[in-house]
Amino acid sequence: MTRAASRRTIIPVGGSSDLVVTRKLDVRGRACPVPIVELMRAVRALGSGETVEVIADDRAFPADVTAWCAKTGHTLVRLDAPSGDHRAIVRKEGP
């Protein structure tokens, strides 16, 4: 089961502009392709310019999210692993 929250969170990205995360998606414990499928569903529900933060522990997630963003035209704002889990922030581009 995925865990999602819809409250906004401000993520510092440096400089004078911080990033407002519209939705959070926790897909830890889910293997490929579930994290990307859940990300796709979450992005569909967003408006243009809104963002989703995804937390995943699947080893394939960094490569998968990078490729998915390149293929779909959405922006991978950040990808890191601050606590061992992968964290990606994706901004929806277009309608």
Protein backbone atom coordinates (compact mmCIF):
# COMPACT_ATOMS: atom_id res chain seq x y z
CA MET A 1 0.00 0.00 0.00
CA THR A 2 1.35 3.42 -0.87
CA ARG A 3 1.31 6.25 1.59
CA ALA A 4 0.54 9.70 0.18
CA ALA A 5 -0.05 13.10 1.69
CA SER A 6 -1.45 16.12 -0.05
CA ARG A 7 -0.26 18.89 2.26
CA ARG A 8 2.25 21.38 0.93
CA THR A 9 5.82 21.28 2.17
CA ILE A 10 8.54 23.82 1.50
CA ILE A 11 11.87 22.30 0.48
CA PRO A 12 14.92 24.58 0.47
CA VAL A 13 16.68 24.36 -2.90
CA GLY A 14 19.19 27.14 -2.40
CA GLY A 15 19.22 30.78 -3.39
CA SER A 16 16.14 32.87 -2.78
CA SER A 17 13.56 30.48 -4.21
CA ASP A 18 12.34 27.53 -2.21
CA LEU A 19 10.33 24.73 -3.74
CA VAL A 20 6.77 24.04 -2.59
CA VAL A 21 6.01 20.32 -2.71
CA THR A 22 2.35 19.82 -3.53
CA ARG A 23 2.15 16.11 -2.78
CA LYS A 24 4.25 13.46 -1.05
CA LEU A 25 4.34 9.84 -2.12
CA ASP A 26 5.96 7.11 0.00
CA VAL A 27 6.52 3.92 -2.00
CA ARG A 28 9.11 2.29 0.24
CA GLY A 29 8.80 -1.49 0.22
CA ARG A 30 7.47 -1.51 -3.34
CA ALA A 31 9.55 -2.94 -6.17
CA CYS A 32 9.83 -1.85 -9.79
CA PRO A 33 7.63 -0.91 -11.62
CA VAL A 34 5.27 0.14 -8.78
CA PRO A 35 7.14 3.33 -7.74
CA ILE A 36 6.99 4.73 -11.28
CA VAL A 37 3.38 3.65 -11.78
CA GLU A 38 2.41 5.44 -8.55
CA LEU A 39 4.43 8.50 -9.59
CA MET A 40 2.63 8.55 -12.94
CA ARG A 41 -0.76 8.48 -11.17
CA ALA A 42 0.29 11.24 -8.77
CA VAL A 43 1.56 13.49 -11.58
CA ARG A 44 -1.71 13.06 -13.50
CA ALA A 45 -3.56 14.57 -10.54
CA LEU A 46 -1.28 17.62 -10.34
CA GLY A 47 -1.64 20.94 -12.09
CA SER A 48 1.08 22.29 -14.34
CA GLY A 49 4.06 23.48 -12.28
CA GLU A 50 3.09 21.52 -9.16
CA THR A 51 5.50 19.04 -7.63
CA VAL A 52 5.49 15.62 -6.03
CA GLU A 53 8.13 14.26 -3.66
CA VAL A 54 8.67 10.50 -3.93
CA ILE A 55 10.47 8.43 -1.31
CA ALA A 56 11.50 4.96 -2.49
CA ASP A 57 13.89 2.21 -1.43
CA ASP A 58 13.92 0.27 -4.71
CA ARG A 59 17.49 0.11 -6.07
CA ALA A 60 16.25 0.74 -9.62
CA PHE A 61 14.33 3.90 -8.69
CA PRO A 62 17.04 6.51 -9.48
CA ALA A 63 17.52 5.22 -13.03
CA ASP A 64 13.79 4.66 -13.50
CA VAL A 65 12.70 8.12 -12.37
CA THR A 66 15.42 9.78 -14.44
CA ALA A 67 14.36 7.89 -17.57
CA TRP A 68 10.65 8.45 -16.89
CA CYS A 69 11.11 12.21 -16.55
CA ALA A 70 13.17 12.36 -19.75
CA LYS A 71 10.55 10.35 -21.63
CA THR A 72 7.51 12.28 -20.35
CA GLY A 73 8.96 15.80 -20.35
CA HIS A 74 8.46 16.38 -16.62
CA THR A 75 11.32 17.93 -14.66
CA LEU A 76 13.39 15.97 -12.15
CA VAL A 77 14.10 18.82 -9.75
CA ARG A 78 16.09 16.82 -7.23
CA LEU A 79 17.25 13.25 -6.70
CA ASP A 80 19.16 12.26 -3.59
CA ALA A 81 19.36 9.70 -0.81
CA PRO A 82 19.66 11.68 2.44
CA SER A 83 18.77 8.80 4.77
CA GLY A 84 19.51 5.78 2.58
CA ASP A 85 16.11 5.94 0.89
CA HIS A 86 15.93 7.64 -2.49
CA ARG A 87 14.07 10.95 -2.62
CA ALA A 88 13.00 12.52 -5.90
CA ILE A 89 11.15 15.74 -6.50
CA VAL A 90 9.35 15.89 -9.85
CA ARG A 91 7.65 18.97 -11.32
CA LYS A 92 4.77 18.47 -13.72
CA GLU A 93 5.27 20.29 -17.01
CA GLY A 94 2.37 21.04 -19.30
CA PRO A 95 -1.31 20.26 -18.81
